[in-house]
């Protein structure tokens, strides 16, 4: 009997749960089993990252918009955040083995976007006595482009005039989170694990 002031929970399928845990123990002791499960984890994380780029950070709360001067200097003409040439997005590669599942980027500046920078920093020419060449935005607006899927979207753009300088002070990069947190993936990881363990007994 449960007191009126208390709460109760009814657990069903306890025998099935115990069997599933035993299967997990078997999989943990079998290298190929762990590797196969870790592969699924890595793919889930990789797909989350792709969706985050495609939605311009919506999976992580949204990314801060690009500034007009940044848009004016884009060589590829894209108004999408962190996707001027898609090099950064393509750099995230899934890896897995018997012990872990990892998705990461070897591009050195990926960390600066993930964490943001502490504050302003100087940019100087690579060659001594050289000049920096860049554009300062003179006109800022929006334009409509048609994707391969025939879907039309509106993107910001900027035109600028070319200038030269010995040094410029960059205001610093805002944090634009690229990687998922545990809570972002946990529901799908649990579901994947249960499906995987269920399959072991078949």
C-alpha atoms as a PDB file:
ATOM      1  CA  UNK A   1       0.000   0.000   0.000  1.00  0.00           C
ATOM      2  CA  UNK A   2       1.222   3.497  -0.846  1.00  0.00           C
ATOM      3  CA  UNK A   3       0.530   6.384   1.494  1.00  0.00           C
ATOM      4  CA  UNK A   4      -1.632   9.192   0.132  1.00  0.00           C
ATOM      5  CA  UNK A   5       1.159  11.706   0.651  1.00  0.00           C
ATOM      6  CA  UNK A   6       3.697   9.638  -1.296  1.00  0.00           C
ATOM      7  CA  UNK A   7       4.334   8.765  -4.917  1.00  0.00           C
ATOM      8  CA  UNK A   8       4.955   5.460  -6.613  1.00  0.00           C
ATOM      9  CA  UNK A   9       6.412   4.236  -9.855  1.00  0.00           C
ATOM     10  CA  UNK A  10       5.633   0.934 -11.525  1.00  0.00           C
ATOM     11  CA  UNK A  11       8.463  -0.703 -13.391  1.00  0.00           C
ATOM     12  CA  UNK A  12       7.445  -3.097 -16.144  1.00  0.00           C
ATOM     13  CA  UNK A  13       9.693  -5.327 -18.178  1.00  0.00           C
ATOM     14  CA  UNK A  14      12.282  -5.792 -15.419  1.00  0.00           C
ATOM     15  CA  UNK A  15      13.278  -9.215 -16.769  1.00  0.00           C
ATOM     16  CA  UNK A  16      13.799  -7.760 -20.250  1.00  0.00           C
ATOM     17  CA  UNK A  17      15.894  -4.949 -18.772  1.00  0.00           C
ATOM     18  CA  UNK A  18      18.128  -7.429 -16.970  1.00  0.00           C
ATOM     19  CA  UNK A  19      18.577  -9.400 -20.163  1.00  0.00           C
ATOM     20  CA  UNK A  20      19.475  -6.216 -22.018  1.00  0.00           C
ATOM     21  CA  UNK A  21      22.113  -5.367 -19.421  1.00  0.00           C
ATOM     22  CA  UNK A  22      23.601  -8.824 -19.801  1.00  0.00           C
ATOM     23  CA  UNK A  23      23.810  -8.276 -23.557  1.00  0.00           C
ATOM     24  CA  UNK A  24      25.597  -4.974 -22.909  1.00  0.00           C
ATOM     25  CA  UNK A  25      28.130  -6.810 -20.771  1.00  0.00           C
ATOM     26  CA  UNK A  26      28.691  -9.283 -23.604  1.00  0.00           C
ATOM     27  CA  UNK A  27      29.092  -6.435 -26.115  1.00  0.00           C
ATOM     28  CA  UNK A  28      31.510  -4.626 -23.811  1.00  0.00           C
ATOM     29  CA  UNK A  29      33.754  -7.664 -23.764  1.00  0.00           C
ATOM     30  CA  UNK A  30      33.678  -8.050 -27.503  1.00  0.00           C
ATOM     31  CA  UNK A  31      35.746  -5.561 -29.489  1.00  0.00           C
ATOM     32  CA  UNK A  32      33.675  -5.713 -32.647  1.00  0.00           C
ATOM     33  CA  UNK A  33      30.501  -5.124 -30.641  1.00  0.00           C
ATOM     34  CA  UNK A  34      31.818  -1.986 -29.004  1.00  0.00           C
ATOM     35  CA  UNK A  35      33.261  -0.686 -32.243  1.00  0.00           C
ATOM     36  CA  UNK A  36      29.944  -1.114 -34.053  1.00  0.00           C
ATOM     37  CA  UNK A  37      28.067   0.733 -31.322  1.00  0.00           C
ATOM     38  CA  UNK A  38      30.657   3.518 -31.187  1.00  0.00           C
ATOM     39  CA  UNK A  39      30.342   3.916 -34.947  1.00  0.00           C
ATOM     40  CA  UNK A  40      26.657   4.715 -34.491  1.00  0.00           C
ATOM     41  CA  UNK A  41      27.478   7.225 -31.764  1.00  0.00           C
ATOM     42  CA  UNK A  42      30.018   8.996 -33.992  1.00  0.00           C
ATOM     43  CA  UNK A  43      27.587   9.165 -36.904  1.00  0.00           C
ATOM     44  CA  UNK A  44      24.862  10.630 -34.666  1.00  0.00           C
ATOM     45  CA  UNK A  45      27.226  13.348 -33.465  1.00  0.00           C
ATOM     46  CA  UNK A  46      28.422  14.031 -37.012  1.00  0.00           C
ATOM     47  CA  UNK A  47      24.853  14.423 -38.274  1.00  0.00           C
ATOM     48  CA  UNK A  48      24.105  16.855 -35.429  1.00  0.00           C
ATOM     49  CA  UNK A  49      27.082  18.990 -36.477  1.00  0.00           C
ATOM     50  CA  UNK A  50      25.926  19.014 -40.119  1.00  0.00           C
ATOM     51  CA  UNK A  51      22.427  20.110 -39.092  1.00  0.00           C
ATOM     52  CA  UNK A  52      23.931  22.793 -36.882  1.00  0.00           C
ATOM     53  CA  UNK A  53      25.925  24.233 -39.788  1.00  0.00           C
ATOM     54  CA  UNK A  54      22.974  24.041 -42.170  1.00  0.00           C
ATOM     55  CA  UNK A  55      20.755  25.895 -39.685  1.00  0.00           C
ATOM     56  CA  UNK A  56      23.498  28.438 -38.891  1.00  0.00           C
ATOM     57  CA  UNK A  57      23.779  27.376 -35.281  1.00  0.00           C
ATOM     58  CA  UNK A  58      20.092  26.829 -34.516  1.00  0.00           C
ATOM     59  CA  UNK A  59      20.912  23.500 -32.867  1.00  0.00           C
ATOM     60  CA  UNK A  60      23.110  25.379 -30.388  1.00  0.00           C
ATOM     61  CA  UNK A  61      20.920  28.410 -29.734  1.00  0.00           C
ATOM     62  CA  UNK A  62      21.824  30.366 -32.899  1.00  0.00           C
ATOM     63  CA  UNK A  63      25.013  32.025 -34.098  1.00  0.00           C
ATOM     64  CA  UNK A  64      25.710  35.741 -33.940  1.00  0.00           C
ATOM     65  CA  UNK A  65      25.156  37.324 -37.406  1.00  0.00           C
ATOM     66  CA  UNK A  66      28.094  38.331 -39.580  1.00  0.00           C
ATOM     67  CA  UNK A  67      29.180  41.965 -39.618  1.00  0.00           C
ATOM     68  CA  UNK A  68      29.017  44.019 -42.845  1.00  0.00           C
ATOM     69  CA  UNK A  69      32.812  44.193 -43.193  1.00  0.00           C
ATOM     70  CA  UNK A  70      33.039  40.395 -42.952  1.00  0.00           C
ATOM     71  CA  UNK A  71      30.431  40.005 -45.679  1.00  0.00           C
ATOM     72  CA  UNK A  72      32.178  42.538 -47.900  1.00  0.00           C
ATOM     73  CA  UNK A  73      35.412  40.504 -47.786  1.00  0.00           C
ATOM     74  CA  UNK A  74      33.887  37.138 -48.596  1.00  0.00           C
ATOM     75  CA  UNK A  75      35.518  35.801 -51.740  1.00  0.00           C
ATOM     76  CA  UNK A  76      32.832  33.223 -52.427  1.00  0.00           C
ATOM     77  CA  UNK A  77      30.009  35.707 -51.914  1.00  0.00           C
ATOM     78  CA  UNK A  78      28.083  33.576 -49.419  1.00  0.00           C
ATOM     79  CA  UNK A  79      26.039  35.272 -46.708  1.00  0.00           C
ATOM     80  CA  UNK A  80      25.735  32.115 -44.605  1.00  0.00           C
ATOM     81  CA  UNK A  81      27.566  32.104 -41.284  1.00  0.00           C
ATOM     82  CA  UNK A  82      30.790  30.006 -41.256  1.00  0.00           C
ATOM     83  CA  UNK A  83      29.943  28.611 -44.692  1.00  0.00           C
ATOM     84  CA  UNK A  84      31.754  30.797 -47.168  1.00  0.00           C
ATOM     85  CA  UNK A  85      33.444  27.768 -48.753  1.00  0.00           C
ATOM     86  CA  UNK A  86      32.180  24.998 -46.399  1.00  0.00           C
ATOM     87  CA  UNK A  87      35.774  24.021 -45.575  1.00  0.00           C
ATOM     88  CA  UNK A  88      35.209  24.235 -41.821  1.00  0.00           C
ATOM     89  CA  UNK A  89      32.038  22.140 -41.951  1.00  0.00           C
ATOM     90  CA  UNK A  90      33.727  19.484 -44.095  1.00  0.00           C
ATOM     91  CA  UNK A  91      36.669  19.294 -41.676  1.00  0.00           C
ATOM     92  CA  UNK A  92      34.611  17.576 -38.954  1.00  0.00           C
ATOM     93  CA  UNK A  93      35.267  13.868 -39.300  1.00  0.00           C
ATOM     94  CA  UNK A  94      33.803  10.973 -37.274  1.00  0.00           C
ATOM     95  CA  UNK A  95      36.207   8.382 -35.849  1.00  0.00           C
ATOM     96  CA  UNK A  96      35.625   5.385 -33.617  1.00  0.00           C
ATOM     97  CA  UNK A  97      37.267   2.276 -32.247  1.00  0.00           C
ATOM     98  CA  UNK A  98      36.671  -0.241 -29.472  1.00  0.00           C
ATOM     99  CA  UNK A  99      37.151   2.379 -26.740  1.00  0.00           C
ATOM    100  CA  UNK A 100      35.529   5.610 -27.915  1.00  0.00           C
ATOM    101  CA  UNK A 101      33.635   7.598 -30.513  1.00  0.00           C
ATOM    102  CA  UNK A 102      34.996  11.008 -31.523  1.00  0.00           C
ATOM    103  CA  UNK A 103      33.981  13.727 -33.968  1.00  0.00           C
ATOM    104  CA  UNK A 104      36.365  16.641 -34.349  1.00  0.00           C
ATOM    105  CA  UNK A 105      38.125  19.073 -36.645  1.00  0.00           C
ATOM    106  CA  UNK A 106      41.852  19.409 -37.246  1.00  0.00           C
ATOM    107  CA  UNK A 107      41.386  22.995 -38.496  1.00  0.00           C
ATOM    108  CA  UNK A 108      43.184  25.179 -35.958  1.00  0.00           C
ATOM    109  CA  UNK A 109      40.636  28.011 -35.962  1.00  0.00           C
ATOM    110  CA  UNK A 110      37.682  25.731 -35.230  1.00  0.00           C
ATOM    111  CA  UNK A 111      38.499  26.134 -31.518  1.00  0.00           C
ATOM    112  CA  UNK A 112      38.304  29.932 -31.815  1.00  0.00           C
ATOM    113  CA  UNK A 113      34.754  29.703 -33.166  1.00  0.00           C
ATOM    114  CA  UNK A 114      33.694  27.058 -30.658  1.00  0.00           C
ATOM    115  CA  UNK A 115      34.929  29.021 -27.646  1.00  0.00           C
ATOM    116  CA  UNK A 116      35.140  32.598 -28.963  1.00  0.00           C
ATOM    117  CA  UNK A 117      38.237  34.747 -28.466  1.00  0.00           C
ATOM    118  CA  UNK A 118      39.087  36.667 -25.315  1.00  0.00           C
ATOM    119  CA  UNK A 119      39.026  40.074 -27.000  1.00  0.00           C
ATOM    120  CA  UNK A 120      40.498  42.237 -29.786  1.00  0.00           C
ATOM    121  CA  UNK A 121      43.734  41.142 -31.437  1.00  0.00           C
ATOM    122  CA  UNK A 122      46.020  42.648 -34.117  1.00  0.00           C
ATOM    123  CA  UNK A 123      46.321  41.346 -37.673  1.00  0.00           C
ATOM    124  CA  UNK A 124      49.560  42.146 -39.498  1.00  0.00           C
ATOM    125  CA  UNK A 125      50.978  41.307 -42.950  1.00  0.00           C
ATOM    126  CA  UNK A 126      52.779  37.983 -43.252  1.00  0.00           C
ATOM    127  CA  UNK A 127      55.694  39.593 -45.081  1.00  0.00           C
ATOM    128  CA  UNK A 128      57.766  42.333 -43.386  1.00  0.00           C
ATOM    129  CA  UNK A 129      57.010  45.714 -44.923  1.00  0.00           C
ATOM    130  CA  UNK A 130      53.884  44.406 -46.593  1.00  0.00           C
ATOM    131  CA  UNK A 131      50.314  45.664 -46.499  1.00  0.00           C
ATOM    132  CA  UNK A 132      46.972  44.163 -45.600  1.00  0.00           C
ATOM    133  CA  UNK A 133      44.397  44.364 -48.366  1.00  0.00           C
ATOM    134  CA  UNK A 134      40.722  44.190 -47.492  1.00  0.00           C
ATOM    135  CA  UNK A 135      37.360  45.843 -48.017  1.00  0.00           C
ATOM    136  CA  UNK A 136      35.347  48.183 -45.815  1.00  0.00           C
ATOM    137  CA  UNK A 137      31.594  47.859 -46.267  1.00  0.00           C
ATOM    138  CA  UNK A 138      29.937  50.791 -47.999  1.00  0.00           C
ATOM    139  CA  UNK A 139      26.547  49.246 -48.755  1.00  0.00           C
ATOM    140  CA  UNK A 140      24.732  46.625 -46.710  1.00  0.00           C
ATOM    141  CA  UNK A 141      21.494  44.853 -47.546  1.00  0.00           C
ATOM    142  CA  UNK A 142      19.883  41.529 -48.414  1.00  0.00           C
ATOM    143  CA  UNK A 143      19.414  39.459 -51.532  1.00  0.00           C
ATOM    144  CA  UNK A 144      17.354  36.433 -52.499  1.00  0.00           C
ATOM    145  CA  UNK A 145      19.103  33.347 -53.846  1.00  0.00           C
ATOM    146  CA  UNK A 146      17.720  30.077 -55.204  1.00  0.00           C
ATOM    147  CA  UNK A 147      19.125  26.822 -53.842  1.00  0.00           C
ATOM    148  CA  UNK A 148      19.557  23.608 -55.837  1.00  0.00           C
ATOM    149  CA  UNK A 149      16.319  22.389 -54.290  1.00  0.00           C
ATOM    150  CA  UNK A 150      14.561  25.396 -55.925  1.00  0.00           C
ATOM    151  CA  UNK A 151      13.945  26.829 -52.458  1.00  0.00           C
ATOM    152  CA  UNK A 152      14.501  30.586 -52.235  1.00  0.00           C
ATOM    153  CA  UNK A 153      16.191  32.126 -49.202  1.00  0.00           C
ATOM    154  CA  UNK A 154      17.171  35.681 -48.285  1.00  0.00           C
ATOM    155  CA  UNK A 155      20.788  36.275 -47.275  1.00  0.00           C
ATOM    156  CA  UNK A 156      22.628  39.387 -46.110  1.00  0.00           C
ATOM    157  CA  UNK A 157      25.315  40.852 -48.344  1.00  0.00           C
ATOM    158  CA  UNK A 158      27.638  43.856 -48.383  1.00  0.00           C
ATOM    159  CA  UNK A 159      29.644  45.757 -50.974  1.00  0.00           C
ATOM    160  CA  UNK A 160      32.804  47.587 -50.021  1.00  0.00           C
ATOM    161  CA  UNK A 161      35.716  49.716 -51.115  1.00  0.00           C
ATOM    162  CA  UNK A 162      39.231  48.322 -51.109  1.00  0.00           C
ATOM    163  CA  UNK A 163      41.712  49.673 -48.577  1.00  0.00           C
ATOM    164  CA  UNK A 164      45.306  48.952 -47.522  1.00  0.00           C
ATOM    165  CA  UNK A 165      46.756  49.044 -44.019  1.00  0.00           C
ATOM    166  CA  UNK A 166      49.877  48.096 -42.085  1.00  0.00           C
ATOM    167  CA  UNK A 167      47.817  46.688 -39.244  1.00  0.00           C
ATOM    168  CA  UNK A 168      44.187  46.254 -38.211  1.00  0.00           C
ATOM    169  CA  UNK A 169      42.668  45.410 -34.851  1.00  0.00           C
ATOM    170  CA  UNK A 170      40.139  42.598 -35.082  1.00  0.00           C
ATOM    171  CA  UNK A 171      37.335  43.041 -32.523  1.00  0.00           C
ATOM    172  CA  UNK A 172      37.443  39.333 -31.637  1.00  0.00           C
ATOM    173  CA  UNK A 173      35.337  36.330 -32.569  1.00  0.00           C
ATOM    174  CA  UNK A 174      32.032  35.688 -30.808  1.00  0.00           C
ATOM    175  CA  UNK A 175      31.343  32.198 -29.574  1.00  0.00           C
ATOM    176  CA  UNK A 176      29.538  30.159 -32.204  1.00  0.00           C
ATOM    177  CA  UNK A 177      29.138  26.680 -30.786  1.00  0.00           C
ATOM    178  CA  UNK A 178      29.925  23.959 -33.315  1.00  0.00           C
ATOM    179  CA  UNK A 179      29.844  20.824 -31.160  1.00  0.00           C
ATOM    180  CA  UNK A 180      26.934  19.169 -29.363  1.00  0.00           C
ATOM    181  CA  UNK A 181      26.744  18.815 -25.599  1.00  0.00           C
ATOM    182  CA  UNK A 182      25.835  15.585 -23.846  1.00  0.00           C
ATOM    183  CA  UNK A 183      22.229  16.675 -23.314  1.00  0.00           C
ATOM    184  CA  UNK A 184      21.868  17.389 -27.046  1.00  0.00           C
ATOM    185  CA  UNK A 185      22.598  13.779 -27.978  1.00  0.00           C
ATOM    186  CA  UNK A 186      21.587  11.747 -24.943  1.00  0.00           C
ATOM    187  CA  UNK A 187      18.006  10.842 -26.001  1.00  0.00           C
ATOM    188  CA  UNK A 188      19.130   9.620 -29.419  1.00  0.00           C
ATOM    189  CA  UNK A 189      22.153   7.812 -27.994  1.00  0.00           C
ATOM    190  CA  UNK A 190      19.966   5.970 -25.503  1.00  0.00           C
ATOM    191  CA  UNK A 191      17.519   4.965 -28.214  1.00  0.00           C
ATOM    192  CA  UNK A 192      20.345   3.806 -30.454  1.00  0.00           C
ATOM    193  CA  UNK A 193      21.888   1.803 -27.620  1.00  0.00           C
ATOM    194  CA  UNK A 194      18.610   0.075 -26.819  1.00  0.00           C
ATOM    195  CA  UNK A 195      18.007  -0.785 -30.469  1.00  0.00           C
ATOM    196  CA  UNK A 196      21.541  -2.089 -30.772  1.00  0.00           C
ATOM    197  CA  UNK A 197      21.321  -4.248 -27.659  1.00  0.00           C
ATOM    198  CA  UNK A 198      17.940  -5.579 -28.723  1.00  0.00           C
ATOM    199  CA  UNK A 199      19.522  -6.659 -31.987  1.00  0.00           C
ATOM    200  CA  UNK A 200      22.299  -8.557 -30.193  1.00  0.00           C
ATOM    201  CA  UNK A 201      19.808 -11.055 -28.864  1.00  0.00           C
ATOM    202  CA  UNK A 202      18.319 -11.864 -32.236  1.00  0.00           C
END
